[in-house]
Amino acid sequence: MSETTTDNGKTIGIIAYLTLIGWIIALVMHNNNKTDLGAFHIRQMLGIVIVGFALYILNVFLAFTIGSAILGWIIQLLMFAFWLLGFIGALQGEKKPVPLLGEQFQQWFKGVA
């Protein structure tokens, strides 16, 4: 991957955090012009989306079994914080992994971008 066009990598990183459609657009853009920064943020957002979806499913299950949705609010705040940290990193053009699982996202999804 070439790092000759850092701005394109930054643009791809920013777009990756703009909904699932934005992530798909960023992936297509990245395939035309591969950069380390773009690949990093594509993998970070994919990890955030997958973990967020898994936690959502867990929350729905727990809400029906214990009758409380407070865990859902906590999960939503946590996932928003992870998204915000990733988005700020993309805006600044930095490769800062999100807390807890950011490094694992890079390893788990290295074949994606």
N, C-alpha and C. Protein backbone atom coordinates (compact mmCIF):
# COMPACT_ATOMS: atom_id res chain seq x y z
N MET A 1 0.84 -1.18 0.00
CA MET A 1 0.00 0.00 0.00
C MET A 1 0.88 1.24 0.00
N SER A 2 0.53 2.14 -0.86
CA SER A 2 1.34 3.35 -0.93
C SER A 2 0.77 4.42 -0.02
N GLU A 3 1.63 5.24 0.48
CA GLU A 3 1.24 6.33 1.36
C GLU A 3 1.50 7.65 0.65
N THR A 4 1.42 7.64 -0.68
CA THR A 4 1.72 8.85 -1.44
C THR A 4 0.60 9.86 -1.37
N THR A 5 -0.63 9.42 -1.21
CA THR A 5 -1.76 10.34 -1.16
C THR A 5 -2.45 10.22 0.20
N THR A 6 -1.84 10.82 1.20
CA THR A 6 -2.36 10.75 2.56
C THR A 6 -3.76 11.35 2.64
N ASP A 7 -4.03 12.40 1.87
CA ASP A 7 -5.34 13.02 1.91
C ASP A 7 -6.42 12.04 1.48
N ASN A 8 -6.16 11.24 0.44
CA ASN A 8 -7.14 10.24 0.03
C ASN A 8 -7.37 9.20 1.11
N GLY A 9 -6.35 8.81 1.78
CA GLY A 9 -6.52 7.88 2.89
C GLY A 9 -7.34 8.50 3.99
N LYS A 10 -7.15 9.78 4.23
CA LYS A 10 -7.93 10.49 5.25
C LYS A 10 -9.39 10.60 4.82
N THR A 11 -9.63 10.91 3.57
CA THR A 11 -10.99 11.01 3.06
C THR A 11 -11.70 9.66 3.16
N ILE A 12 -11.03 8.61 2.79
CA ILE A 12 -11.60 7.26 2.87
C ILE A 12 -11.91 6.93 4.33
N GLY A 13 -11.00 7.27 5.23
CA GLY A 13 -11.22 7.02 6.65
C GLY A 13 -12.43 7.74 7.18
N ILE A 14 -12.61 8.98 6.79
CA ILE A 14 -13.77 9.76 7.24
C ILE A 14 -15.06 9.17 6.69
N ILE A 15 -15.07 8.85 5.41
CA ILE A 15 -16.27 8.29 4.78
C ILE A 15 -16.65 6.94 5.40
N ALA A 16 -15.66 6.17 5.81
CA ALA A 16 -15.93 4.85 6.39
C ALA A 16 -16.79 4.94 7.64
N TYR A 17 -16.73 6.04 8.36
CA TYR A 17 -17.49 6.19 9.60
C TYR A 17 -18.89 6.75 9.37
N LEU A 18 -19.25 7.03 8.13
CA LEU A 18 -20.56 7.62 7.84
C LEU A 18 -21.55 6.53 7.42
N THR A 19 -22.11 5.85 8.34
CA THR A 19 -23.09 4.78 8.17
C THR A 19 -22.52 3.58 7.41
N LEU A 20 -23.33 2.56 7.28
CA LEU A 20 -22.90 1.35 6.58
C LEU A 20 -22.71 1.64 5.09
N ILE A 21 -23.55 2.49 4.52
CA ILE A 21 -23.40 2.87 3.10
C ILE A 21 -22.06 3.59 2.91
N GLY A 22 -21.72 4.48 3.83
CA GLY A 22 -20.44 5.18 3.77
C GLY A 22 -19.28 4.21 3.84
N TRP A 23 -19.42 3.18 4.67
CA TRP A 23 -18.36 2.17 4.80
C TRP A 23 -18.17 1.44 3.47
N ILE A 24 -19.27 1.10 2.82
CA ILE A 24 -19.19 0.40 1.53
C ILE A 24 -18.55 1.31 0.48
N ILE A 25 -18.95 2.57 0.46
CA ILE A 25 -18.35 3.54 -0.48
C ILE A 25 -16.85 3.67 -0.21
N ALA A 26 -16.48 3.76 1.06
CA ALA A 26 -15.06 3.86 1.42
C ALA A 26 -14.29 2.63 0.97
N LEU A 27 -14.89 1.46 1.09
CA LEU A 27 -14.24 0.22 0.66
C LEU A 27 -14.01 0.23 -0.84
N VAL A 28 -14.99 0.67 -1.60
CA VAL A 28 -14.85 0.75 -3.07
C VAL A 28 -13.78 1.78 -3.44
N MET A 29 -13.83 2.94 -2.79
CA MET A 29 -12.81 3.97 -3.05
C MET A 29 -11.41 3.45 -2.71
N HIS A 30 -11.33 2.70 -1.62
CA HIS A 30 -10.03 2.17 -1.18
C HIS A 30 -9.48 1.16 -2.18
N ASN A 31 -10.35 0.38 -2.80
CA ASN A 31 -9.89 -0.60 -3.79
C ASN A 31 -9.27 0.08 -5.01
N ASN A 32 -9.68 1.32 -5.30
CA ASN A 32 -9.10 2.06 -6.42
C ASN A 32 -7.80 2.75 -6.05
N ASN A 33 -7.62 3.07 -4.77
CA ASN A 33 -6.43 3.81 -4.32
C ASN A 33 -6.10 3.37 -2.89
N LYS A 34 -5.34 2.30 -2.77
CA LYS A 34 -5.06 1.72 -1.45
C LYS A 34 -4.05 2.56 -0.66
N THR A 35 -4.44 2.85 0.58
CA THR A 35 -3.55 3.54 1.51
C THR A 35 -3.64 2.84 2.86
N ASP A 36 -2.57 2.94 3.64
CA ASP A 36 -2.57 2.34 4.97
C ASP A 36 -3.61 2.99 5.87
N LEU A 37 -3.73 4.30 5.79
CA LEU A 37 -4.68 5.02 6.64
C LEU A 37 -6.12 4.64 6.31
N GLY A 38 -6.44 4.57 5.04
CA GLY A 38 -7.80 4.17 4.64
C GLY A 38 -8.12 2.76 5.09
N ALA A 39 -7.20 1.84 4.90
CA ALA A 39 -7.41 0.45 5.32
C ALA A 39 -7.60 0.36 6.83
N PHE A 40 -6.81 1.11 7.58
CA PHE A 40 -6.91 1.11 9.04
C PHE A 40 -8.32 1.49 9.48
N HIS A 41 -8.84 2.58 8.95
CA HIS A 41 -10.14 3.06 9.40
C HIS A 41 -11.29 2.20 8.87
N ILE A 42 -11.13 1.60 7.72
CA ILE A 42 -12.14 0.66 7.22
C ILE A 42 -12.25 -0.52 8.18
N ARG A 43 -11.11 -1.05 8.62
CA ARG A 43 -11.13 -2.17 9.55
C ARG A 43 -11.67 -1.78 10.92
N GLN A 44 -11.34 -0.57 11.38
CA GLN A 44 -11.85 -0.11 12.68
C GLN A 44 -13.38 -0.02 12.65
N MET A 45 -13.91 0.59 11.60
CA MET A 45 -15.36 0.76 11.53
C MET A 45 -16.06 -0.58 11.36
N LEU A 46 -15.50 -1.49 10.60
CA LEU A 46 -16.09 -2.82 10.46
C LEU A 46 -16.17 -3.49 11.83
N GLY A 47 -15.13 -3.39 12.60
CA GLY A 47 -15.13 -3.97 13.95
C GLY A 47 -16.17 -3.33 14.85
N ILE A 48 -16.28 -2.01 14.78
CA ILE A 48 -17.27 -1.30 15.60
C ILE A 48 -18.68 -1.74 15.22
N VAL A 49 -18.95 -1.87 13.94
CA VAL A 49 -20.28 -2.27 13.48
C VAL A 49 -20.60 -3.70 13.93
N ILE A 50 -19.66 -4.61 13.77
CA ILE A 50 -19.91 -6.01 14.13
C ILE A 50 -20.10 -6.15 15.64
N VAL A 51 -19.24 -5.52 16.43
CA VAL A 51 -19.38 -5.60 17.89
C VAL A 51 -20.69 -4.92 18.32
N GLY A 52 -21.01 -3.79 17.72
CA GLY A 52 -22.25 -3.11 18.05
C GLY A 52 -23.47 -3.96 17.75
N PHE A 53 -23.46 -4.65 16.62
CA PHE A 53 -24.58 -5.51 16.26
C PHE A 53 -24.69 -6.69 17.23
N ALA A 54 -23.55 -7.31 17.55
CA ALA A 54 -23.56 -8.43 18.49
C ALA A 54 -24.07 -8.00 19.87
N LEU A 55 -23.64 -6.83 20.32
CA LEU A 55 -24.11 -6.33 21.61
C LEU A 55 -25.59 -5.97 21.56
N TYR A 56 -26.06 -5.50 20.42
CA TYR A 56 -27.48 -5.21 20.26
C TYR A 56 -28.31 -6.49 20.41
N ILE A 57 -27.88 -7.55 19.75
CA ILE A 57 -28.58 -8.84 19.85
C ILE A 57 -28.58 -9.32 21.30
N LEU A 58 -27.44 -9.22 21.97
CA LEU A 58 -27.35 -9.60 23.38
C LEU A 58 -28.30 -8.76 24.23
N ASN A 59 -28.37 -7.48 23.96
CA ASN A 59 -29.24 -6.59 24.72
C ASN A 59 -30.71 -6.94 24.52
N VAL A 60 -31.11 -7.25 23.29
CA VAL A 60 -32.49 -7.63 23.04
C VAL A 60 -32.83 -8.89 23.82
N PHE A 61 -31.93 -9.85 23.80
CA PHE A 61 -32.14 -11.09 24.55
C PHE A 61 -32.28 -10.80 26.04
N LEU A 62 -31.37 -9.99 26.58
CA LEU A 62 -31.42 -9.68 28.01
C LEU A 62 -32.65 -8.85 28.38
N ALA A 63 -33.05 -7.95 27.50
CA ALA A 63 -34.24 -7.13 27.77
C ALA A 63 -35.49 -8.00 27.89
N PHE A 64 -35.58 -9.04 27.06
CA PHE A 64 -36.73 -9.93 27.14
C PHE A 64 -36.65 -10.88 28.33
N THR A 65 -35.44 -11.26 28.71
CA THR A 65 -35.32 -12.23 29.81
C THR A 65 -35.37 -11.57 31.18
N ILE A 66 -34.71 -10.42 31.35
CA ILE A 66 -34.72 -9.79 32.68
C ILE A 66 -35.62 -8.56 32.73
N GLY A 67 -36.14 -8.14 31.59
CA GLY A 67 -37.10 -7.05 31.55
C GLY A 67 -36.53 -5.66 31.76
N SER A 68 -35.23 -5.49 31.56
CA SER A 68 -34.61 -4.18 31.74
C SER A 68 -33.80 -3.81 30.50
N ALA A 69 -33.95 -2.55 30.10
CA ALA A 69 -33.22 -2.09 28.91
C ALA A 69 -32.09 -1.14 29.28
N ILE A 70 -31.75 -1.02 30.56
CA ILE A 70 -30.68 -0.10 30.97
C ILE A 70 -29.34 -0.49 30.36
N LEU A 71 -29.12 -1.79 30.22
CA LEU A 71 -27.89 -2.24 29.59
C LEU A 71 -27.79 -1.74 28.16
N GLY A 72 -28.93 -1.65 27.48
CA GLY A 72 -28.96 -1.14 26.11
C GLY A 72 -28.47 0.29 26.02
N TRP A 73 -28.87 1.12 26.95
CA TRP A 73 -28.41 2.52 26.97
C TRP A 73 -26.90 2.58 27.19
N ILE A 74 -26.40 1.77 28.08
CA ILE A 74 -24.96 1.75 28.34
C ILE A 74 -24.20 1.29 27.11
N ILE A 75 -24.70 0.24 26.46
CA ILE A 75 -24.06 -0.28 25.25
C ILE A 75 -24.07 0.78 24.15
N GLN A 76 -25.21 1.47 23.98
CA GLN A 76 -25.29 2.50 22.95
C GLN A 76 -24.31 3.63 23.21
N LEU A 77 -24.19 4.04 24.45
CA LEU A 77 -23.23 5.11 24.79
C LEU A 77 -21.79 4.66 24.54
N LEU A 78 -21.50 3.43 24.89
CA LEU A 78 -20.16 2.89 24.68
C LEU A 78 -19.83 2.80 23.19
N MET A 79 -20.76 2.30 22.40
CA MET A 79 -20.52 2.17 20.96
C MET A 79 -20.41 3.55 20.30
N PHE A 80 -21.21 4.51 20.77
CA PHE A 80 -21.09 5.87 20.24
C PHE A 80 -19.72 6.46 20.57
N ALA A 81 -19.23 6.20 21.78
CA ALA A 81 -17.91 6.70 22.17
C ALA A 81 -16.82 6.09 21.29
N PHE A 82 -16.92 4.79 21.01
CA PHE A 82 -15.94 4.14 20.13
C PHE A 82 -16.01 4.73 18.73
N TRP A 83 -17.24 4.91 18.22
CA TRP A 83 -17.41 5.50 16.89
C TRP A 83 -16.80 6.90 16.86
N LEU A 84 -17.09 7.69 17.88
CA LEU A 84 -16.60 9.07 17.93
C LEU A 84 -15.07 9.11 17.98
N LEU A 85 -14.46 8.24 18.77
CA LEU A 85 -12.99 8.20 18.84
C LEU A 85 -12.40 7.81 17.49
N GLY A 86 -13.00 6.84 16.81
CA GLY A 86 -12.52 6.45 15.49
C GLY A 86 -12.69 7.56 14.48
N PHE A 87 -13.84 8.23 14.51
CA PHE A 87 -14.11 9.32 13.58
C PHE A 87 -13.16 10.48 13.80
N ILE A 88 -12.88 10.83 15.04
CA ILE A 88 -11.94 11.91 15.33
C ILE A 88 -10.54 11.54 14.85
N GLY A 89 -10.16 10.28 15.04
CA GLY A 89 -8.86 9.82 14.52
C GLY A 89 -8.78 9.95 13.01
N ALA A 90 -9.87 9.62 12.32
CA ALA A 90 -9.89 9.76 10.86
C ALA A 90 -9.82 11.22 10.45
N LEU A 91 -10.54 12.09 11.16
CA LEU A 91 -10.48 13.53 10.85
C LEU A 91 -9.08 14.08 11.01
N GLN A 92 -8.35 13.59 12.01
CA GLN A 92 -7.00 14.06 12.27
C GLN A 92 -5.96 13.34 11.41
N GLY A 93 -6.38 12.33 10.67
CA GLY A 93 -5.45 11.59 9.82
C GLY A 93 -4.52 10.70 10.61
N GLU A 94 -4.97 10.22 11.76
CA GLU A 94 -4.14 9.39 12.64
C GLU A 94 -4.66 7.95 12.67
N LYS A 95 -3.76 7.04 12.96
CA LYS A 95 -4.12 5.64 13.09
C LYS A 95 -4.14 5.28 14.58
N LYS A 96 -5.19 5.72 15.27
CA LYS A 96 -5.37 5.40 16.68
C LYS A 96 -6.46 4.34 16.80
N PRO A 97 -6.12 3.15 17.30
CA PRO A 97 -7.16 2.13 17.43
C PRO A 97 -8.15 2.49 18.54
N VAL A 98 -9.40 2.06 18.37
CA VAL A 98 -10.39 2.30 19.41
C VAL A 98 -10.02 1.46 20.63
N PRO A 99 -10.43 1.91 21.83
CA PRO A 99 -10.08 1.17 23.04
C PRO A 99 -10.62 -0.26 23.04
N LEU A 100 -9.99 -1.08 23.80
CA LEU A 100 -10.35 -2.48 24.03
C LEU A 100 -10.07 -3.40 22.86
N LEU A 101 -10.72 -3.23 21.74
CA LEU A 101 -10.60 -4.20 20.63
C LEU A 101 -9.99 -3.64 19.36
N GLY A 102 -9.56 -2.39 19.35
CA GLY A 102 -9.05 -1.77 18.14
C GLY A 102 -7.88 -2.52 17.51
N GLU A 103 -6.95 -2.97 18.32
CA GLU A 103 -5.80 -3.73 17.79
C GLU A 103 -6.25 -5.06 17.21
N GLN A 104 -7.22 -5.70 17.88
CA GLN A 104 -7.74 -6.97 17.37
C GLN A 104 -8.48 -6.77 16.06
N PHE A 105 -9.19 -5.66 15.91
CA PHE A 105 -9.88 -5.39 14.64
C PHE A 105 -8.88 -5.39 13.50
N GLN A 106 -7.71 -4.81 13.73
CA GLN A 106 -6.69 -4.75 12.67
C GLN A 106 -6.22 -6.15 12.30
N GLN A 107 -6.11 -7.03 13.28
CA GLN A 107 -5.66 -8.40 13.01
C GLN A 107 -6.78 -9.24 12.39
N TRP A 108 -7.96 -9.16 12.99
CA TRP A 108 -9.07 -9.97 12.53
C TRP A 108 -9.50 -9.66 11.10
N PHE A 109 -9.44 -8.40 10.73
CA PHE A 109 -9.96 -7.97 9.43
C PHE A 109 -8.86 -7.54 8.46
N LYS A 110 -7.66 -8.06 8.65
CA LYS A 110 -6.55 -7.65 7.78
C LYS A 110 -6.78 -8.02 6.32
N GLY A 111 -7.62 -8.99 6.05
CA GLY A 111 -7.91 -9.37 4.67
C GLY A 111 -8.99 -8.53 4.02
N VAL A 112 -9.64 -7.65 4.79
CA VAL A 112 -10.75 -6.87 4.26
C VAL A 112 -10.26 -5.71 3.40
N ALA A 113 -9.28 -4.98 3.87
CA ALA A 113 -8.83 -3.81 3.13
C ALA A 113 -7.33 -3.86 2.92
